[in-house]
């Protein structure tokens, strides 16, 4: 985790805290498929009903997963 002067110290909900946002209450997945280009991966695409917000996840095969998850567009870690 971050030190008391890092990002976690800012006014953000704890990872275990449930935050309900009615705008994002209805997620959906419209594509969930395996792709082979450029390398084999699971592609998941969806969004939130009533919004223009969309998301995509690119996941490695289970036997290649190393316990890490990166988020593009997330707050940078300083």
PDB file of N, CA and C in Angstrom:
ATOM      1  N   UNK A   1       0.834  -1.188   0.000  1.00  0.00           N
ATOM      2  CA  UNK A   1       0.000   0.000   0.000  1.00  0.00           C
ATOM      3  C   UNK A   1       0.872   1.242   0.000  1.00  0.00           C
ATOM      4  N   UNK A   2       0.220   2.384  -0.077  1.00  0.00           N
ATOM      5  CA  UNK A   2       0.929   3.649  -0.104  1.00  0.00           C
ATOM      6  C   UNK A   2       1.144   4.159   1.311  1.00  0.00           C
ATOM      7  N   UNK A   3       2.115   5.033   1.452  1.00  0.00           N
ATOM      8  CA  UNK A   3       2.357   5.652   2.756  1.00  0.00           C
ATOM      9  C   UNK A   3       1.264   6.668   3.044  1.00  0.00           C
ATOM     10  N   UNK A   4       1.286   7.225   4.242  1.00  0.00           N
ATOM     11  CA  UNK A   4       0.260   8.189   4.636  1.00  0.00           C
ATOM     12  C   UNK A   4       0.327   9.468   3.809  1.00  0.00           C
ATOM     13  N   UNK A   5       1.416   9.664   3.086  1.00  0.00           N
ATOM     14  CA  UNK A   5       1.514  10.847   2.226  1.00  0.00           C
ATOM     15  C   UNK A   5       1.211  10.512   0.774  1.00  0.00           C
ATOM     16  N   UNK A   6       0.943   9.233   0.485  1.00  0.00           N
ATOM     17  CA  UNK A   6       0.682   8.808  -0.890  1.00  0.00           C
ATOM     18  C   UNK A   6      -0.777   8.944  -1.282  1.00  0.00           C
ATOM     19  N   UNK A   7      -1.104   8.347  -2.405  1.00  0.00           N
ATOM     20  CA  UNK A   7      -2.451   8.466  -2.960  1.00  0.00           C
ATOM     21  C   UNK A   7      -3.530   7.920  -2.038  1.00  0.00           C
ATOM     22  N   UNK A   8      -3.235   6.858  -1.309  1.00  0.00           N
ATOM     23  CA  UNK A   8      -4.251   6.256  -0.450  1.00  0.00           C
ATOM     24  C   UNK A   8      -4.666   7.187   0.676  1.00  0.00           C
ATOM     25  N   UNK A   9      -3.818   8.137   1.014  1.00  0.00           N
ATOM     26  CA  UNK A   9      -4.130   9.051   2.111  1.00  0.00           C
ATOM     27  C   UNK A   9      -5.135  10.121   1.699  1.00  0.00           C
ATOM     28  N   UNK A  10      -5.332  10.306   0.409  1.00  0.00           N
ATOM     29  CA  UNK A  10      -6.295  11.296  -0.053  1.00  0.00           C
ATOM     30  C   UNK A  10      -7.701  10.823   0.276  1.00  0.00           C
ATOM     31  N   UNK A  11      -8.655  11.694   0.164  1.00  0.00           N
ATOM     32  CA  UNK A  11     -10.035  11.358   0.518  1.00  0.00           C
ATOM     33  C   UNK A  11     -10.660  10.445  -0.525  1.00  0.00           C
ATOM     34  N   UNK A  12     -10.330   9.186  -0.442  1.00  0.00           N
ATOM     35  CA  UNK A  12     -10.861   8.178  -1.356  1.00  0.00           C
ATOM     36  C   UNK A  12     -11.458   7.052  -0.534  1.00  0.00           C
ATOM     37  N   UNK A  13     -12.488   6.405  -1.058  1.00  0.00           N
ATOM     38  CA  UNK A  13     -13.066   5.278  -0.320  1.00  0.00           C
ATOM     39  C   UNK A  13     -12.050   4.145  -0.177  1.00  0.00           C
ATOM     40  N   UNK A  14     -12.111   3.444   0.924  1.00  0.00           N
ATOM     41  CA  UNK A  14     -11.262   2.273   1.122  1.00  0.00           C
ATOM     42  C   UNK A  14     -11.687   1.199   0.130  1.00  0.00           C
ATOM     43  N   UNK A  15     -10.779   0.294  -0.199  1.00  0.00           N
ATOM     44  CA  UNK A  15     -11.064  -0.746  -1.183  1.00  0.00           C
ATOM     45  C   UNK A  15     -12.227  -1.635  -0.769  1.00  0.00           C
ATOM     46  N   UNK A  16     -12.476  -1.760   0.516  1.00  0.00           N
ATOM     47  CA  UNK A  16     -13.553  -2.623   0.991  1.00  0.00           C
ATOM     48  C   UNK A  16     -14.874  -1.881   1.160  1.00  0.00           C
ATOM     49  N   UNK A  17     -14.861  -0.576   1.005  1.00  0.00           N
ATOM     50  CA  UNK A  17     -16.074   0.218   1.182  1.00  0.00           C
ATOM     51  C   UNK A  17     -16.936   0.144  -0.079  1.00  0.00           C
ATOM     52  N   UNK A  18     -18.238  -0.082   0.090  1.00  0.00           N
ATOM     53  CA  UNK A  18     -19.154  -0.125  -1.037  1.00  0.00           C
ATOM     54  C   UNK A  18     -19.654   1.284  -1.314  1.00  0.00           C
ATOM     55  N   UNK A  19     -19.489   1.719  -2.554  1.00  0.00           N
ATOM     56  CA  UNK A  19     -19.952   3.042  -2.953  1.00  0.00           C
ATOM     57  C   UNK A  19     -20.992   2.846  -4.046  1.00  0.00           C
ATOM     58  N   UNK A  20     -22.212   3.254  -3.777  1.00  0.00           N
ATOM     59  CA  UNK A  20     -23.291   3.088  -4.747  1.00  0.00           C
ATOM     60  C   UNK A  20     -23.427   4.359  -5.578  1.00  0.00           C
ATOM     61  N   UNK A  21     -23.323   4.210  -6.878  1.00  0.00           N
ATOM     62  CA  UNK A  21     -23.511   5.328  -7.792  1.00  0.00           C
ATOM     63  C   UNK A  21     -24.638   4.932  -8.739  1.00  0.00           C
ATOM     64  N   UNK A  22     -25.806   5.539  -8.599  1.00  0.00           N
ATOM     65  CA  UNK A  22     -26.950   5.133  -9.413  1.00  0.00           C
ATOM     66  C   UNK A  22     -26.698   5.256 -10.917  1.00  0.00           C
ATOM     67  N   UNK A  23     -25.792   6.126 -11.318  1.00  0.00           N
ATOM     68  CA  UNK A  23     -25.494   6.278 -12.741  1.00  0.00           C
ATOM     69  C   UNK A  23     -24.863   5.010 -13.324  1.00  0.00           C
ATOM     70  N   UNK A  24     -24.137   4.269 -12.492  1.00  0.00           N
ATOM     71  CA  UNK A  24     -23.456   3.064 -12.951  1.00  0.00           C
ATOM     72  C   UNK A  24     -24.047   1.800 -12.318  1.00  0.00           C
ATOM     73  N   UNK A  25     -25.333   1.827 -12.051  1.00  0.00           N
ATOM     74  CA  UNK A  25     -25.997   0.721 -11.358  1.00  0.00           C
ATOM     75  C   UNK A  25     -26.333  -0.449 -12.279  1.00  0.00           C
ATOM     76  N   UNK A  26     -26.327  -0.229 -13.599  1.00  0.00           N
ATOM     77  CA  UNK A  26     -26.736  -1.286 -14.520  1.00  0.00           C
ATOM     78  C   UNK A  26     -25.649  -1.595 -15.554  1.00  0.00           C
ATOM     79  N   UNK A  27     -24.602  -2.299 -15.142  1.00  0.00           N
ATOM     80  CA  UNK A  27     -23.568  -2.670 -16.111  1.00  0.00           C
ATOM     81  C   UNK A  27     -24.072  -3.783 -17.030  1.00  0.00           C
ATOM     82  N   UNK A  28     -23.494  -3.857 -18.218  1.00  0.00           N
ATOM     83  CA  UNK A  28     -23.808  -4.953 -19.132  1.00  0.00           C
ATOM     84  C   UNK A  28     -22.538  -5.357 -19.882  1.00  0.00           C
ATOM     85  N   UNK A  29     -22.529  -6.586 -20.365  1.00  0.00           N
ATOM     86  CA  UNK A  29     -21.447  -7.093 -21.206  1.00  0.00           C
ATOM     87  C   UNK A  29     -22.072  -7.483 -22.533  1.00  0.00           C
ATOM     88  N   UNK A  30     -21.560  -6.908 -23.626  1.00  0.00           N
ATOM     89  CA  UNK A  30     -22.107  -7.247 -24.935  1.00  0.00           C
ATOM     90  C   UNK A  30     -21.167  -8.125 -25.768  1.00  0.00           C
ATOM     91  N   UNK A  31     -19.919  -8.262 -25.348  1.00  0.00           N
ATOM     92  CA  UNK A  31     -18.971  -9.162 -26.004  1.00  0.00           C
ATOM     93  C   UNK A  31     -18.090  -9.822 -24.957  1.00  0.00           C
ATOM     94  N   UNK A  32     -17.944 -11.122 -25.055  1.00  0.00           N
ATOM     95  CA  UNK A  32     -17.047 -11.882 -24.187  1.00  0.00           C
ATOM     96  C   UNK A  32     -16.527 -13.023 -25.038  1.00  0.00           C
ATOM     97  N   UNK A  33     -15.320 -12.847 -25.584  1.00  0.00           N
ATOM     98  CA  UNK A  33     -14.818 -13.818 -26.543  1.00  0.00           C
ATOM     99  C   UNK A  33     -13.301 -13.956 -26.453  1.00  0.00           C
ATOM    100  N   UNK A  34     -12.808 -15.085 -26.946  1.00  0.00           N
ATOM    101  CA  UNK A  34     -11.372 -15.308 -27.040  1.00  0.00           C
ATOM    102  C   UNK A  34     -10.895 -14.816 -28.392  1.00  0.00           C
ATOM    103  N   UNK A  35      -9.750 -14.120 -28.397  1.00  0.00           N
ATOM    104  CA  UNK A  35      -9.137 -13.636 -29.630  1.00  0.00           C
ATOM    105  C   UNK A  35      -7.697 -14.139 -29.690  1.00  0.00           C
ATOM    106  N   UNK A  36      -7.184 -14.282 -30.905  1.00  0.00           N
ATOM    107  CA  UNK A  36      -5.831 -14.813 -31.089  1.00  0.00           C
ATOM    108  C   UNK A  36      -4.826 -13.792 -31.608  1.00  0.00           C
ATOM    109  N   UNK A  37      -5.261 -12.576 -31.925  1.00  0.00           N
ATOM    110  CA  UNK A  37      -4.383 -11.551 -32.483  1.00  0.00           C
ATOM    111  C   UNK A  37      -4.386 -10.336 -31.582  1.00  0.00           C
ATOM    112  N   UNK A  38      -3.273  -9.752 -31.207  1.00  0.00           N
ATOM    113  CA  UNK A  38      -1.920 -10.144 -31.602  1.00  0.00           C
ATOM    114  C   UNK A  38      -1.409 -11.375 -30.856  1.00  0.00           C
ATOM    115  N   UNK A  39      -1.958 -11.659 -29.677  1.00  0.00           N
ATOM    116  CA  UNK A  39      -1.681 -12.893 -28.934  1.00  0.00           C
ATOM    117  C   UNK A  39      -3.003 -13.370 -28.352  1.00  0.00           C
ATOM    118  N   UNK A  40      -3.066 -14.624 -27.938  1.00  0.00           N
ATOM    119  CA  UNK A  40      -4.312 -15.165 -27.394  1.00  0.00           C
ATOM    120  C   UNK A  40      -4.704 -14.402 -26.127  1.00  0.00           C
ATOM    121  N   UNK A  41      -5.960 -13.940 -26.079  1.00  0.00           N
ATOM    122  CA  UNK A  41      -6.474 -13.205 -24.922  1.00  0.00           C
ATOM    123  C   UNK A  41      -7.997 -13.257 -24.921  1.00  0.00           C
ATOM    124  N   UNK A  42      -8.554 -13.034 -23.757  1.00  0.00           N
ATOM    125  CA  UNK A  42     -10.004 -12.940 -23.613  1.00  0.00           C
ATOM    126  C   UNK A  42     -10.374 -11.462 -23.677  1.00  0.00           C
ATOM    127  N   UNK A  43     -11.300 -11.137 -24.566  1.00  0.00           N
ATOM    128  CA  UNK A  43     -11.747  -9.760 -24.756  1.00  0.00           C
ATOM    129  C   UNK A  43     -13.157  -9.641 -24.185  1.00  0.00           C
ATOM    130  N   UNK A  44     -13.332  -8.712 -23.254  1.00  0.00           N
ATOM    131  CA  UNK A  44     -14.644  -8.463 -22.647  1.00  0.00           C
ATOM    132  C   UNK A  44     -14.967  -6.990 -22.852  1.00  0.00           C
ATOM    133  N   UNK A  45     -16.123  -6.710 -23.444  1.00  0.00           N
ATOM    134  CA  UNK A  45     -16.546  -5.333 -23.707  1.00  0.00           C
ATOM    135  C   UNK A  45     -17.948  -5.139 -23.152  1.00  0.00           C
ATOM    136  N   UNK A  46     -18.182  -3.978 -22.585  1.00  0.00           N
ATOM    137  CA  UNK A  46     -19.515  -3.672 -22.060  1.00  0.00           C
ATOM    138  C   UNK A  46     -19.648  -2.202 -21.774  1.00  0.00           C
ATOM    139  N   UNK A  47     -20.621  -1.891 -20.955  1.00  0.00           N
ATOM    140  CA  UNK A  47     -20.872  -0.504 -20.599  1.00  0.00           C
ATOM    141  C   UNK A  47     -21.881  -0.424 -19.473  1.00  0.00           C
ATOM    142  N   UNK A  48     -22.487   0.734 -19.352  1.00  0.00           N
ATOM    143  CA  UNK A  48     -23.489   0.971 -18.317  1.00  0.00           C
ATOM    144  C   UNK A  48     -24.737   1.537 -18.980  1.00  0.00           C
ATOM    145  N   UNK A  49     -25.872   0.875 -18.771  1.00  0.00           N
ATOM    146  CA  UNK A  49     -27.131   1.306 -19.379  1.00  0.00           C
ATOM    147  C   UNK A  49     -27.435   2.755 -19.026  1.00  0.00           C
ATOM    148  N   UNK A  50     -27.923   3.482 -20.022  1.00  0.00           N
ATOM    149  CA  UNK A  50     -28.299   4.869 -19.803  1.00  0.00           C
ATOM    150  C   UNK A  50     -27.143   5.847 -19.827  1.00  0.00           C
ATOM    151  N   UNK A  51     -25.923   5.356 -20.140  1.00  0.00           N
ATOM    152  CA  UNK A  51     -24.749   6.238 -20.212  1.00  0.00           C
ATOM    153  C   UNK A  51     -23.987   5.940 -21.500  1.00  0.00           C
ATOM    154  N   UNK A  52     -23.014   6.763 -21.801  1.00  0.00           N
ATOM    155  CA  UNK A  52     -22.121   6.505 -22.932  1.00  0.00           C
ATOM    156  C   UNK A  52     -20.816   5.864 -22.465  1.00  0.00           C
ATOM    157  N   UNK A  53     -20.741   5.494 -21.203  1.00  0.00           N
ATOM    158  CA  UNK A  53     -19.540   4.884 -20.639  1.00  0.00           C
ATOM    159  C   UNK A  53     -19.408   3.448 -21.131  1.00  0.00           C
ATOM    160  N   UNK A  54     -18.236   3.120 -21.674  1.00  0.00           N
ATOM    161  CA  UNK A  54     -17.931   1.776 -22.143  1.00  0.00           C
ATOM    162  C   UNK A  54     -16.630   1.312 -21.497  1.00  0.00           C
ATOM    163  N   UNK A  55     -16.451  -0.004 -21.433  1.00  0.00           N
ATOM    164  CA  UNK A  55     -15.197  -0.553 -20.911  1.00  0.00           C
ATOM    165  C   UNK A  55     -14.775  -1.752 -21.743  1.00  0.00           C
ATOM    166  N   UNK A  56     -13.484  -2.025 -21.734  1.00  0.00           N
ATOM    167  CA  UNK A  56     -12.911  -3.201 -22.386  1.00  0.00           C
ATOM    168  C   UNK A  56     -11.859  -3.789 -21.462  1.00  0.00           C
ATOM    169  N   UNK A  57     -11.866  -5.102 -21.353  1.00  0.00           N
ATOM    170  CA  UNK A  57     -10.842  -5.814 -20.597  1.00  0.00           C
ATOM    171  C   UNK A  57     -10.150  -6.779 -21.551  1.00  0.00           C
ATOM    172  N   UNK A  58      -8.846  -6.851 -21.445  1.00  0.00           N
ATOM    173  CA  UNK A  58      -8.029  -7.767 -22.236  1.00  0.00           C
ATOM    174  C   UNK A  58      -7.318  -8.670 -21.230  1.00  0.00           C
ATOM    175  N   UNK A  59      -7.730  -9.914 -21.161  1.00  0.00           N
ATOM    176  CA  UNK A  59      -7.249 -10.823 -20.117  1.00  0.00           C
ATOM    177  C   UNK A  59      -6.449 -11.971 -20.720  1.00  0.00           C
ATOM    178  N   UNK A  60      -5.332 -12.333 -20.092  1.00  0.00           N
ATOM    179  CA  UNK A  60      -4.530 -13.450 -20.604  1.00  0.00           C
ATOM    180  C   UNK A  60      -5.197 -14.785 -20.267  1.00  0.00           C
ATOM    181  N   UNK A  61      -4.778 -15.853 -20.940  1.00  0.00           N
ATOM    182  CA  UNK A  61      -5.252 -17.180 -20.554  1.00  0.00           C
ATOM    183  C   UNK A  61      -4.902 -17.457 -19.087  1.00  0.00           C
ATOM    184  N   UNK A  62      -5.709 -18.235 -18.427  1.00  0.00           N
ATOM    185  CA  UNK A  62      -5.538 -18.520 -16.999  1.00  0.00           C
ATOM    186  C   UNK A  62      -4.129 -19.006 -16.675  1.00  0.00           C
ATOM    187  N   UNK A  63      -3.581 -19.870 -17.513  1.00  0.00           N
ATOM    188  CA  UNK A  63      -2.248 -20.421 -17.217  1.00  0.00           C
ATOM    189  C   UNK A  63      -1.124 -19.394 -17.393  1.00  0.00           C
ATOM    190  N   UNK A  64      -1.406 -18.236 -17.973  1.00  0.00           N
ATOM    191  CA  UNK A  64      -0.401 -17.186 -18.133  1.00  0.00           C
ATOM    192  C   UNK A  64      -0.587 -16.030 -17.160  1.00  0.00           C
ATOM    193  N   UNK A  65      -1.704 -16.010 -16.459  1.00  0.00           N
ATOM    194  CA  UNK A  65      -1.983 -14.917 -15.520  1.00  0.00           C
ATOM    195  C   UNK A  65      -0.998 -14.973 -14.357  1.00  0.00           C
ATOM    196  N   UNK A  66      -0.371 -13.818 -14.015  1.00  0.00           N
ATOM    197  CA  UNK A  66       0.649 -13.768 -12.968  1.00  0.00           C
ATOM    198  C   UNK A  66       0.215 -12.962 -11.751  1.00  0.00           C
ATOM    199  N   UNK A  67      -1.087 -12.781 -11.562  1.00  0.00           N
ATOM    200  CA  UNK A  67      -1.572 -12.120 -10.358  1.00  0.00           C
ATOM    201  C   UNK A  67      -1.532 -10.606 -10.385  1.00  0.00           C
ATOM    202  N   UNK A  68      -1.320 -10.019 -11.558  1.00  0.00           N
ATOM    203  CA  UNK A  68      -1.275  -8.554 -11.653  1.00  0.00           C
ATOM    204  C   UNK A  68      -2.393  -8.076 -12.568  1.00  0.00           C
ATOM    205  N   UNK A  69      -2.835  -6.849 -12.334  1.00  0.00           N
ATOM    206  CA  UNK A  69      -3.877  -6.264 -13.163  1.00  0.00           C
ATOM    207  C   UNK A  69      -3.563  -4.792 -13.346  1.00  0.00           C
ATOM    208  N   UNK A  70      -3.448  -4.331 -14.577  1.00  0.00           N
ATOM    209  CA  UNK A  70      -3.142  -2.928 -14.849  1.00  0.00           C
ATOM    210  C   UNK A  70      -4.356  -2.208 -15.399  1.00  0.00           C
ATOM    211  N   UNK A  71      -4.478  -0.948 -15.079  1.00  0.00           N
ATOM    212  CA  UNK A  71      -5.599  -0.148 -15.557  1.00  0.00           C
ATOM    213  C   UNK A  71      -5.079   1.038 -16.351  1.00  0.00           C
ATOM    214  N   UNK A  72      -5.351   1.065 -17.640  1.00  0.00           N
ATOM    215  CA  UNK A  72      -5.021   2.239 -18.452  1.00  0.00           C
ATOM    216  C   UNK A  72      -5.993   3.341 -18.107  1.00  0.00           C
ATOM    217  N   UNK A  73      -5.503   4.547 -17.987  1.00  0.00           N
ATOM    218  CA  UNK A  73      -6.378   5.669 -17.681  1.00  0.00           C
ATOM    219  C   UNK A  73      -6.630   5.856 -16.201  1.00  0.00           C
ATOM    220  N   UNK A  74      -6.109   4.958 -15.383  1.00  0.00           N
ATOM    221  CA  UNK A  74      -6.270   5.096 -13.930  1.00  0.00           C
ATOM    222  C   UNK A  74      -5.309   6.173 -13.425  1.00  0.00           C
ATOM    223  N   UNK A  75      -5.519   6.621 -12.214  1.00  0.00           N
ATOM    224  CA  UNK A  75      -4.623   7.611 -11.623  1.00  0.00           C
ATOM    225  C   UNK A  75      -3.204   7.058 -11.589  1.00  0.00           C
ATOM    226  N   UNK A  76      -2.231   7.830 -12.047  1.00  0.00           N
ATOM    227  CA  UNK A  76      -0.848   7.347 -11.996  1.00  0.00           C
ATOM    228  C   UNK A  76      -0.353   7.241 -10.552  1.00  0.00           C
ATOM    229  N   UNK A  77       0.509   6.294 -10.323  1.00  0.00           N
ATOM    230  CA  UNK A  77       1.104   6.121  -8.997  1.00  0.00           C
ATOM    231  C   UNK A  77       2.374   6.953  -8.957  1.00  0.00           C
ATOM    232  N   UNK A  78       2.438   7.868  -8.012  1.00  0.00           N
ATOM    233  CA  UNK A  78       3.610   8.754  -7.918  1.00  0.00           C
ATOM    234  C   UNK A  78       4.657   8.173  -6.990  1.00  0.00           C
TER     235      UNK A  78
END
